[in-house]
Amino acid sequence: MLAVAAGGVLFVFTRDRRYLAFSWRLFRYSLLVALLVFALMIIERVAVIPV
C-alpha cells in the first residue's frame, strides 16, 4: 500500500502519468494476490479430510 500511495503522491507532484499507471498496476496485482490467498484459505477450510 505504501508503494501505491507513493506512486499517487509522485503523480500529484510531477504530473507524470507513469507513476499513476505504476500505482494502478501494482494495486491490481496486489488485489489479485490477496484474493488468491483468501481463496486458498477458504478451500483449505472446506476441503478438510476427515480422519
PDB file of N, CA and C in Angstrom:
ATOM      1  N   MET A   1       0.829  -1.191   0.000  1.00  0.00           N
ATOM      2  CA  MET A   1       0.000   0.000   0.000  1.00  0.00           C
ATOM      3  C   MET A   1       0.870   1.251   0.000  1.00  0.00           C
ATOM      4  N   LEU A   2       2.034   1.163   0.628  1.00  0.00           N
ATOM      5  CA  LEU A   2       2.921   2.327   0.630  1.00  0.00           C
ATOM      6  C   LEU A   2       3.411   2.662  -0.770  1.00  0.00           C
ATOM      7  N   ALA A   3       3.700   1.642  -1.564  1.00  0.00           N
ATOM      8  CA  ALA A   3       4.172   1.883  -2.931  1.00  0.00           C
ATOM      9  C   ALA A   3       3.064   2.484  -3.788  1.00  0.00           C
ATOM     10  N   VAL A   4       1.835   2.046  -3.593  1.00  0.00           N
ATOM     11  CA  VAL A   4       0.705   2.598  -4.341  1.00  0.00           C
ATOM     12  C   VAL A   4       0.498   4.062  -3.950  1.00  0.00           C
ATOM     13  N   ALA A   5       0.556   4.338  -2.657  1.00  0.00           N
ATOM     14  CA  ALA A   5       0.399   5.715  -2.187  1.00  0.00           C
ATOM     15  C   ALA A   5       1.555   6.593  -2.668  1.00  0.00           C
ATOM     16  N   ALA A   6       2.762   6.049  -2.658  1.00  0.00           N
ATOM     17  CA  ALA A   6       3.920   6.819  -3.126  1.00  0.00           C
ATOM     18  C   ALA A   6       3.782   7.148  -4.609  1.00  0.00           C
ATOM     19  N   GLY A   7       3.296   6.208  -5.386  1.00  0.00           N
ATOM     20  CA  GLY A   7       3.071   6.481  -6.807  1.00  0.00           C
ATOM     21  C   GLY A   7       2.024   7.559  -7.017  1.00  0.00           C
ATOM     22  N   GLY A   8       0.978   7.539  -6.195  1.00  0.00           N
ATOM     23  CA  GLY A   8      -0.045   8.581  -6.288  1.00  0.00           C
ATOM     24  C   GLY A   8       0.501   9.951  -5.916  1.00  0.00           C
ATOM     25  N   VAL A   9       1.314   9.999  -4.872  1.00  0.00           N
ATOM     26  CA  VAL A   9       1.913  11.275  -4.454  1.00  0.00           C
ATOM     27  C   VAL A   9       2.875  11.792  -5.517  1.00  0.00           C
ATOM     28  N   LEU A  10       3.677  10.897  -6.086  1.00  0.00           N
ATOM     29  CA  LEU A  10       4.593  11.320  -7.145  1.00  0.00           C
ATOM     30  C   LEU A  10       3.833  11.828  -8.356  1.00  0.00           C
ATOM     31  N   PHE A  11       2.706  11.211  -8.666  1.00  0.00           N
ATOM     32  CA  PHE A  11       1.902  11.705  -9.784  1.00  0.00           C
ATOM     33  C   PHE A  11       1.386  13.110  -9.510  1.00  0.00           C
ATOM     34  N   VAL A  12       0.940  13.350  -8.280  1.00  0.00           N
ATOM     35  CA  VAL A  12       0.412  14.679  -7.937  1.00  0.00           C
ATOM     36  C   VAL A  12       1.494  15.742  -8.075  1.00  0.00           C
ATOM     37  N   PHE A  13       2.717  15.403  -7.649  1.00  0.00           N
ATOM     38  CA  PHE A  13       3.787  16.404  -7.686  1.00  0.00           C
ATOM     39  C   PHE A  13       4.392  16.583  -9.073  1.00  0.00           C
ATOM     40  N   THR A  14       4.503  15.511  -9.858  1.00  0.00           N
ATOM     41  CA  THR A  14       5.200  15.609 -11.141  1.00  0.00           C
ATOM     42  C   THR A  14       4.265  15.636 -12.345  1.00  0.00           C
ATOM     43  N   ARG A  15       3.020  15.194 -12.171  1.00  0.00           N
ATOM     44  CA  ARG A  15       2.046  15.070 -13.273  1.00  0.00           C
ATOM     45  C   ARG A  15       2.540  14.114 -14.367  1.00  0.00           C
ATOM     46  N   ASP A  16       3.410  13.186 -13.989  1.00  0.00           N
ATOM     47  CA  ASP A  16       3.890  12.169 -14.911  1.00  0.00           C
ATOM     48  C   ASP A  16       2.981  10.948 -14.781  1.00  0.00           C
ATOM     49  N   ARG A  17       2.301  10.589 -15.858  1.00  0.00           N
ATOM     50  CA  ARG A  17       1.304   9.528 -15.808  1.00  0.00           C
ATOM     51  C   ARG A  17       1.923   8.144 -15.593  1.00  0.00           C
ATOM     52  N   ARG A  18       3.249   8.026 -15.754  1.00  0.00           N
ATOM     53  CA  ARG A  18       3.894   6.735 -15.487  1.00  0.00           C
ATOM     54  C   ARG A  18       3.686   6.300 -14.051  1.00  0.00           C
ATOM     55  N   TYR A  19       3.748   7.260 -13.115  1.00  0.00           N
ATOM     56  CA  TYR A  19       3.569   6.931 -11.705  1.00  0.00           C
ATOM     57  C   TYR A  19       2.143   6.467 -11.414  1.00  0.00           C
ATOM     58  N   LEU A  20       1.192   7.096 -12.058  1.00  0.00           N
ATOM     59  CA  LEU A  20      -0.204   6.704 -11.875  1.00  0.00           C
ATOM     60  C   LEU A  20      -0.445   5.310 -12.458  1.00  0.00           C
ATOM     61  N   ALA A  21       0.111   5.045 -13.619  1.00  0.00           N
ATOM     62  CA  ALA A  21      -0.033   3.721 -14.230  1.00  0.00           C
ATOM     63  C   ALA A  21       0.650   2.658 -13.371  1.00  0.00           C
ATOM     64  N   PHE A  22       1.812   2.979 -12.825  1.00  0.00           N
ATOM     65  CA  PHE A  22       2.511   2.044 -11.942  1.00  0.00           C
ATOM     66  C   PHE A  22       1.676   1.732 -10.712  1.00  0.00           C
ATOM     67  N   SER A  23       1.107   2.755 -10.099  1.00  0.00           N
ATOM     68  CA  SER A  23       0.298   2.557  -8.901  1.00  0.00           C
ATOM     69  C   SER A  23      -0.929   1.711  -9.210  1.00  0.00           C
ATOM     70  N   TRP A  24      -1.587   1.985 -10.299  1.00  0.00           N
ATOM     71  CA  TRP A  24      -2.784   1.231 -10.667  1.00  0.00           C
ATOM     72  C   TRP A  24      -2.435  -0.229 -10.927  1.00  0.00           C
ATOM     73  N   ARG A  25      -1.333  -0.479 -11.671  1.00  0.00           N
ATOM     74  CA  ARG A  25      -0.921  -1.842 -11.974  1.00  0.00           C
ATOM     75  C   ARG A  25      -0.541  -2.590 -10.691  1.00  0.00           C
ATOM     76  N   LEU A  26       0.191  -1.935  -9.823  1.00  0.00           N
ATOM     77  CA  LEU A  26       0.590  -2.560  -8.562  1.00  0.00           C
ATOM     78  C   LEU A  26      -0.626  -2.863  -7.695  1.00  0.00           C
ATOM     79  N   PHE A  27      -1.609  -1.973  -7.666  1.00  0.00           N
ATOM     80  CA  PHE A  27      -2.832  -2.197  -6.901  1.00  0.00           C
ATOM     81  C   PHE A  27      -3.598  -3.396  -7.432  1.00  0.00           C
ATOM     82  N   ARG A  28      -3.727  -3.504  -8.751  1.00  0.00           N
ATOM     83  CA  ARG A  28      -4.447  -4.634  -9.339  1.00  0.00           C
ATOM     84  C   ARG A  28      -3.773  -5.962  -9.026  1.00  0.00           C
ATOM     85  N   TYR A  29      -2.445  -6.009  -9.167  1.00  0.00           N
ATOM     86  CA  TYR A  29      -1.735  -7.256  -8.895  1.00  0.00           C
ATOM     87  C   TYR A  29      -1.793  -7.624  -7.418  1.00  0.00           C
ATOM     88  N   SER A  30      -1.691  -6.649  -6.550  1.00  0.00           N
ATOM     89  CA  SER A  30      -1.756  -6.958  -5.120  1.00  0.00           C
ATOM     90  C   SER A  30      -3.160  -7.424  -4.735  1.00  0.00           C
ATOM     91  N   LEU A  31      -4.186  -6.858  -5.353  1.00  0.00           N
ATOM     92  CA  LEU A  31      -5.550  -7.311  -5.104  1.00  0.00           C
ATOM     93  C   LEU A  31      -5.741  -8.745  -5.595  1.00  0.00           C
ATOM     94  N   LEU A  32      -5.181  -9.063  -6.743  1.00  0.00           N
ATOM     95  CA  LEU A  32      -5.267 -10.415  -7.281  1.00  0.00           C
ATOM     96  C   LEU A  32      -4.573 -11.413  -6.356  1.00  0.00           C
ATOM     97  N   VAL A  33      -3.403 -11.074  -5.860  1.00  0.00           N
ATOM     98  CA  VAL A  33      -2.680 -11.965  -4.952  1.00  0.00           C
ATOM     99  C   VAL A  33      -3.464 -12.149  -3.657  1.00  0.00           C
ATOM    100  N   ALA A  34      -4.036 -11.073  -3.130  1.00  0.00           N
ATOM    101  CA  ALA A  34      -4.817 -11.175  -1.894  1.00  0.00           C
ATOM    102  C   ALA A  34      -6.036 -12.073  -2.099  1.00  0.00           C
ATOM    103  N   LEU A  35      -6.718 -11.937  -3.220  1.00  0.00           N
ATOM    104  CA  LEU A  35      -7.874 -12.781  -3.496  1.00  0.00           C
ATOM    105  C   LEU A  35      -7.477 -14.247  -3.638  1.00  0.00           C
ATOM    106  N   LEU A  36      -6.337 -14.514  -4.254  1.00  0.00           N
ATOM    107  CA  LEU A  36      -5.868 -15.893  -4.361  1.00  0.00           C
ATOM    108  C   LEU A  36      -5.541 -16.480  -2.997  1.00  0.00           C
ATOM    109  N   VAL A  37      -4.921 -15.697  -2.137  1.00  0.00           N
ATOM    110  CA  VAL A  37      -4.601 -16.179  -0.791  1.00  0.00           C
ATOM    111  C   VAL A  37      -5.884 -16.484  -0.027  1.00  0.00           C
ATOM    112  N   PHE A  38      -6.863 -15.589  -0.098  1.00  0.00           N
ATOM    113  CA  PHE A  38      -8.124 -15.821   0.600  1.00  0.00           C
ATOM    114  C   PHE A  38      -8.863 -17.023   0.023  1.00  0.00           C
ATOM    115  N   ALA A  39      -8.803 -17.199  -1.283  1.00  0.00           N
ATOM    116  CA  ALA A  39      -9.446 -18.363  -1.899  1.00  0.00           C
ATOM    117  C   ALA A  39      -8.792 -19.652  -1.420  1.00  0.00           C
ATOM    118  N   LEU A  40      -7.477 -19.662  -1.335  1.00  0.00           N
ATOM    119  CA  LEU A  40      -6.791 -20.847  -0.832  1.00  0.00           C
ATOM    120  C   LEU A  40      -7.139 -21.114   0.625  1.00  0.00           C
ATOM    121  N   MET A  41      -7.290 -20.080   1.423  1.00  0.00           N
ATOM    122  CA  MET A  41      -7.675 -20.259   2.824  1.00  0.00           C
ATOM    123  C   MET A  41      -9.078 -20.851   2.928  1.00  0.00           C
ATOM    124  N   ILE A  42      -9.996 -20.390   2.080  1.00  0.00           N
ATOM    125  CA  ILE A  42     -11.358 -20.918   2.089  1.00  0.00           C
ATOM    126  C   ILE A  42     -11.372 -22.368   1.622  1.00  0.00           C
ATOM    127  N   ILE A  43     -10.611 -22.669   0.574  1.00  0.00           N
ATOM    128  CA  ILE A  43     -10.540 -24.053   0.083  1.00  0.00           C
ATOM    129  C   ILE A  43      -9.967 -24.962   1.155  1.00  0.00           C
ATOM    130  N   GLU A  44      -8.969 -24.470   1.888  1.00  0.00           N
ATOM    131  CA  GLU A  44      -8.376 -25.270   2.948  1.00  0.00           C
ATOM    132  C   GLU A  44      -9.406 -25.580   4.043  1.00  0.00           C
ATOM    133  N   ARG A  45     -10.232 -24.620   4.365  1.00  0.00           N
ATOM    134  CA  ARG A  45     -11.255 -24.839   5.402  1.00  0.00           C
ATOM    135  C   ARG A  45     -12.355 -25.787   4.924  1.00  0.00           C
ATOM    136  N   VAL A  46     -12.716 -25.713   3.650  1.00  0.00           N
ATOM    137  CA  VAL A  46     -13.801 -26.538   3.110  1.00  0.00           C
ATOM    138  C   VAL A  46     -13.337 -27.950   2.849  1.00  0.00           C
ATOM    139  N   ALA A  47     -12.115 -28.108   2.391  1.00  0.00           N
ATOM    140  CA  ALA A  47     -11.620 -29.417   1.959  1.00  0.00           C
ATOM    141  C   ALA A  47     -10.871 -30.144   3.063  1.00  0.00           C
ATOM    142  N   VAL A  48     -11.381 -30.073   4.284  1.00  0.00           N
ATOM    143  CA  VAL A  48     -10.751 -30.784   5.390  1.00  0.00           C
ATOM    144  C   VAL A  48     -11.063 -32.259   5.245  1.00  0.00           C
ATOM    145  N   ILE A  49     -10.031 -33.077   5.259  1.00  0.00           N
ATOM    146  CA  ILE A  49     -10.207 -34.517   5.099  1.00  0.00           C
ATOM    147  C   ILE A  49     -10.489 -35.130   6.471  1.00  0.00           C
ATOM    148  N   PRO A  50     -11.651 -35.738   6.653  1.00  0.00           N
ATOM    149  CA  PRO A  50     -11.954 -36.345   7.965  1.00  0.00           C
ATOM    150  C   PRO A  50     -11.104 -37.580   8.199  1.00  0.00           C
ATOM    151  N   VAL A  51     -10.632 -37.714   9.410  1.00  0.00           N
ATOM    152  CA  VAL A  51      -9.758 -38.841   9.749  1.00  0.00           C
ATOM    153  C   VAL A  51     -10.524 -39.850  10.571  1.00  0.00           C
TER     154      VAL A  51
END
